[in-house]
Amino acid sequence: MFPPVKRPPSVLLLAALLLACNKAPSEPEPSAAASAAPALAPLVWDAPGTWTTLTVPRNIPKKATYQIEKAGNDKEGAEVNVFFLGTGDKGDVTKGFKEWFDQFDGDAASTAKRESFESHGMKIETVEVAGTYKVPLSPPVGPQKKAAMQMVKNGWRLYGAVVKSPDRGNWFFKLTGPDETVQSAKSAFRGMLESAR
């Protein structure tokens, strides 16, 4: 048997420090909750093949944009935008619909047509208003969150909806454009809502 080797305390301290520092400071300890809960997939839906899909930047509330060709005597087409503002209070339906109503002259909320139905285990609420639409040409400012510059569109219609997912928050779908074009796209828009899953 060899006699035990005596190491100076400074060598033992250095070894202990090296063992404690085997993880880089930029690597945080993974939390058990984060590793146990898989990320939820976003809502998906089927858009009509006749609509033109536009590219939207990543990491913004707008998740999709589609253009719809003009119908009948309308001078321009319509647009569909899909928004996800986040879970919890961020996806407040009352606030979201109010912002849409405020884009029309007058008291659009009092004249809005409302419906609700279910599809794929999710509740879907729709709103529809028509009249003079104010298209913002600059970012919203002030307590009223109104754009300083607006383009006024007479004879426009909004058909919007919120898809209430129990585990992925509320998703807002908004179809806006000239009256006749929006009316002709309502059935396809409804089909897209029903396909959400």
Protein backbone atom coordinates (compact mmCIF):
# COMPACT_ATOMS: atom_id res chain seq x y z
CA MET A 1 0.00 0.00 0.00
CA PHE A 2 1.18 3.44 -0.84
CA PRO A 3 0.79 6.12 1.79
CA PRO A 4 -1.96 8.66 1.00
CA VAL A 5 -0.74 11.69 -0.95
CA LYS A 6 -1.19 14.91 0.93
CA ARG A 7 -2.27 17.78 -1.28
CA PRO A 8 -1.97 21.39 -0.17
CA PRO A 9 -5.31 23.10 0.62
CA SER A 10 -4.84 25.50 -2.34
CA VAL A 11 -4.91 22.57 -4.81
CA LEU A 12 -8.10 21.18 -3.25
CA LEU A 13 -9.74 24.62 -3.41
CA LEU A 14 -8.77 25.04 -7.06
CA ALA A 15 -10.21 21.61 -7.93
CA ALA A 16 -13.49 22.45 -6.15
CA LEU A 17 -13.76 25.76 -8.05
CA LEU A 18 -13.14 24.08 -11.39
CA LEU A 19 -15.88 21.54 -10.72
CA ALA A 20 -18.30 24.30 -9.73
CA CYS A 21 -17.57 26.25 -12.91
CA ASN A 22 -18.14 23.47 -15.44
CA LYS A 23 -21.25 25.32 -16.81
CA ALA A 24 -20.82 28.56 -18.74
CA PRO A 25 -22.51 31.59 -17.18
CA SER A 26 -24.66 32.03 -20.32
CA GLU A 27 -26.30 28.63 -19.77
CA PRO A 28 -29.10 29.08 -17.26
CA GLU A 29 -30.33 26.07 -15.36
CA PRO A 30 -33.31 24.61 -17.26
CA SER A 31 -36.47 24.88 -15.24
CA ALA A 32 -38.45 21.72 -14.72
CA ALA A 33 -41.67 23.48 -15.78
CA ALA A 34 -40.18 24.74 -19.05
CA SER A 35 -38.74 21.39 -20.05
CA ALA A 36 -41.89 19.47 -19.06
CA ALA A 37 -44.37 21.68 -20.96
CA PRO A 38 -44.02 21.47 -24.76
CA ALA A 39 -44.65 24.64 -26.77
CA LEU A 40 -48.20 24.82 -28.11
CA ALA A 41 -48.61 24.91 -31.86
CA PRO A 42 -50.33 28.03 -33.22
CA LEU A 43 -53.84 27.92 -34.63
CA VAL A 44 -54.03 26.75 -38.25
CA TRP A 45 -56.77 27.18 -40.86
CA ASP A 46 -57.47 26.65 -44.56
CA ALA A 47 -57.54 29.80 -46.70
CA PRO A 48 -59.39 29.78 -50.02
CA GLY A 49 -57.12 29.08 -52.98
CA THR A 50 -58.46 32.10 -54.87
CA TRP A 51 -57.10 34.51 -52.25
CA THR A 52 -53.58 35.89 -52.61
CA THR A 53 -51.39 35.18 -49.58
CA LEU A 54 -49.07 38.04 -48.65
CA THR A 55 -45.88 37.75 -46.62
CA VAL A 56 -45.98 39.19 -43.11
CA PRO A 57 -42.99 39.78 -40.82
CA ARG A 58 -42.41 37.30 -38.02
CA ASN A 59 -42.85 38.13 -34.34
CA ILE A 60 -45.65 40.67 -34.80
CA PRO A 61 -49.33 40.38 -33.84
CA LYS A 62 -50.40 40.08 -37.49
CA LYS A 63 -50.00 36.41 -38.42
CA ALA A 64 -51.44 36.35 -41.95
CA THR A 65 -52.73 38.65 -44.69
CA TYR A 66 -54.76 37.76 -47.78
CA GLN A 67 -55.95 39.90 -50.70
CA ILE A 68 -59.29 39.25 -52.40
CA GLU A 69 -60.06 40.35 -55.94
CA LYS A 70 -62.74 43.02 -56.36
CA ALA A 71 -66.27 41.86 -57.14
CA GLY A 72 -69.15 43.42 -59.04
CA ASN A 73 -68.91 47.19 -59.44
CA ASP A 74 -66.37 47.72 -56.66
CA LYS A 75 -63.27 49.71 -57.59
CA GLU A 76 -60.89 47.77 -55.34
CA GLY A 77 -60.53 44.44 -53.60
CA ALA A 78 -60.80 43.43 -49.96
CA GLU A 79 -58.27 42.26 -47.40
CA VAL A 80 -58.24 39.62 -44.65
CA ASN A 81 -55.88 39.97 -41.69
CA VAL A 82 -55.35 37.44 -38.90
CA PHE A 83 -54.04 38.64 -35.52
CA PHE A 84 -52.84 36.92 -32.36
CA LEU A 85 -52.21 39.35 -29.50
CA GLY A 86 -51.29 36.79 -26.87
CA THR A 87 -53.04 34.78 -24.21
CA GLY A 88 -54.91 36.11 -21.18
CA ASP A 89 -55.99 39.77 -21.16
CA LYS A 90 -53.95 40.55 -24.28
CA GLY A 91 -56.59 38.90 -26.44
CA ASP A 92 -59.55 40.76 -24.90
CA VAL A 93 -62.50 40.35 -27.27
CA THR A 94 -64.44 43.42 -26.14
CA LYS A 95 -61.42 45.66 -26.62
CA GLY A 96 -60.57 44.12 -29.98
CA PHE A 97 -64.08 44.54 -31.36
CA LYS A 98 -64.29 48.11 -30.02
CA GLU A 99 -61.14 49.04 -31.95
CA TRP A 100 -62.77 47.67 -35.10
CA PHE A 101 -66.05 49.54 -34.48
CA ASP A 102 -64.13 52.79 -33.86
CA GLN A 103 -62.77 52.56 -37.40
CA PHE A 104 -66.26 53.38 -38.68
CA ASP A 105 -68.13 56.68 -38.41
CA GLY A 106 -70.97 56.83 -35.92
CA ASP A 107 -71.90 54.26 -33.30
CA ALA A 108 -71.02 51.08 -35.21
CA ALA A 109 -71.21 48.95 -32.05
CA SER A 110 -74.95 49.58 -31.69
CA THR A 111 -75.70 48.53 -35.27
CA ALA A 112 -73.26 45.60 -35.48
CA LYS A 113 -74.70 42.23 -36.41
CA ARG A 114 -73.38 39.53 -34.05
CA GLU A 115 -73.43 35.75 -34.27
CA SER A 116 -71.66 32.85 -32.57
CA PHE A 117 -71.12 29.19 -33.39
CA GLU A 118 -68.74 26.35 -32.54
CA SER A 119 -66.27 24.45 -34.67
CA HIS A 120 -63.55 21.94 -33.72
CA GLY A 121 -64.40 22.46 -30.04
CA MET A 122 -63.83 26.24 -30.20
CA LYS A 123 -66.34 29.05 -29.83
CA ILE A 124 -66.33 31.57 -32.67
CA GLU A 125 -67.95 35.00 -32.41
CA THR A 126 -68.54 37.17 -35.48
CA VAL A 127 -69.37 40.84 -35.93
CA GLU A 128 -70.43 42.68 -39.07
CA VAL A 129 -70.72 46.41 -39.68
CA ALA A 130 -71.00 48.62 -42.74
CA GLY A 131 -70.66 52.32 -43.43
CA THR A 132 -67.86 54.87 -43.70
CA TYR A 133 -64.54 53.24 -42.91
CA LYS A 134 -61.49 55.23 -41.85
CA VAL A 135 -58.25 53.64 -43.06
CA PRO A 136 -55.32 54.74 -40.85
CA LEU A 137 -52.38 56.18 -42.80
CA SER A 138 -50.14 56.69 -39.78
CA PRO A 139 -49.55 54.96 -36.43
CA PRO A 140 -52.21 55.52 -33.73
CA VAL A 141 -51.40 58.26 -31.21
CA GLY A 142 -52.89 59.80 -28.08
CA PRO A 143 -55.25 58.35 -25.49
CA GLN A 144 -57.87 57.56 -28.15
CA LYS A 145 -55.25 55.66 -30.19
CA LYS A 146 -56.33 57.30 -33.45
CA ALA A 147 -54.20 57.87 -36.51
CA ALA A 148 -53.40 61.50 -37.27
CA MET A 149 -54.00 60.84 -40.97
CA GLN A 150 -56.87 58.74 -42.28
CA MET A 151 -58.36 57.87 -45.66
CA VAL A 152 -62.15 57.77 -45.68
CA LYS A 153 -63.84 54.93 -47.57
CA ASN A 154 -67.59 55.15 -48.12
CA GLY A 155 -69.69 52.03 -48.59
CA TRP A 156 -67.29 49.67 -46.83
CA ARG A 157 -68.00 46.58 -44.78
CA LEU A 158 -66.19 44.72 -42.01
CA TYR A 159 -66.86 41.07 -41.27
CA GLY A 160 -64.71 40.00 -38.35
CA ALA A 161 -64.43 37.14 -35.90
CA VAL A 162 -62.61 35.86 -32.88
CA VAL A 163 -61.77 32.18 -32.62
CA LYS A 164 -61.54 31.30 -28.93
CA SER A 165 -59.04 28.50 -28.45
CA PRO A 166 -59.09 26.98 -24.95
CA ASP A 167 -55.32 26.49 -24.87
CA ARG A 168 -53.92 28.86 -27.53
CA GLY A 169 -55.70 32.14 -26.76
CA ASN A 170 -58.01 34.23 -28.93
CA TRP A 171 -57.29 34.66 -32.65
CA PHE A 172 -58.86 37.58 -34.54
CA PHE A 173 -59.86 37.34 -38.22
CA LYS A 174 -60.82 40.59 -39.98
CA LEU A 175 -62.24 40.94 -43.50
CA THR A 176 -62.55 44.55 -44.72
CA GLY A 177 -63.24 46.12 -48.07
CA PRO A 178 -65.90 47.53 -50.38
CA ASP A 179 -69.38 46.28 -49.60
CA GLU A 180 -70.01 44.07 -52.62
CA THR A 181 -66.58 42.39 -52.47
CA VAL A 182 -66.88 41.64 -48.76
CA GLN A 183 -70.42 40.30 -49.24
CA SER A 184 -69.18 37.97 -51.99
CA ALA A 185 -66.28 36.75 -49.79
CA LYS A 186 -68.33 36.12 -46.63
CA SER A 187 -69.04 32.47 -47.40
CA ALA A 188 -65.35 31.69 -48.03
CA PHE A 189 -64.38 33.65 -44.92
CA ARG A 190 -66.87 31.66 -42.85
CA GLY A 191 -65.40 28.45 -44.27
CA MET A 192 -61.94 29.56 -43.19
CA LEU A 193 -63.23 30.21 -39.65
CA GLU A 194 -64.87 26.77 -39.53
CA SER A 195 -61.59 25.16 -40.62
CA ALA A 196 -59.59 26.71 -37.74
CA ARG A 197 -58.04 24.01 -35.56
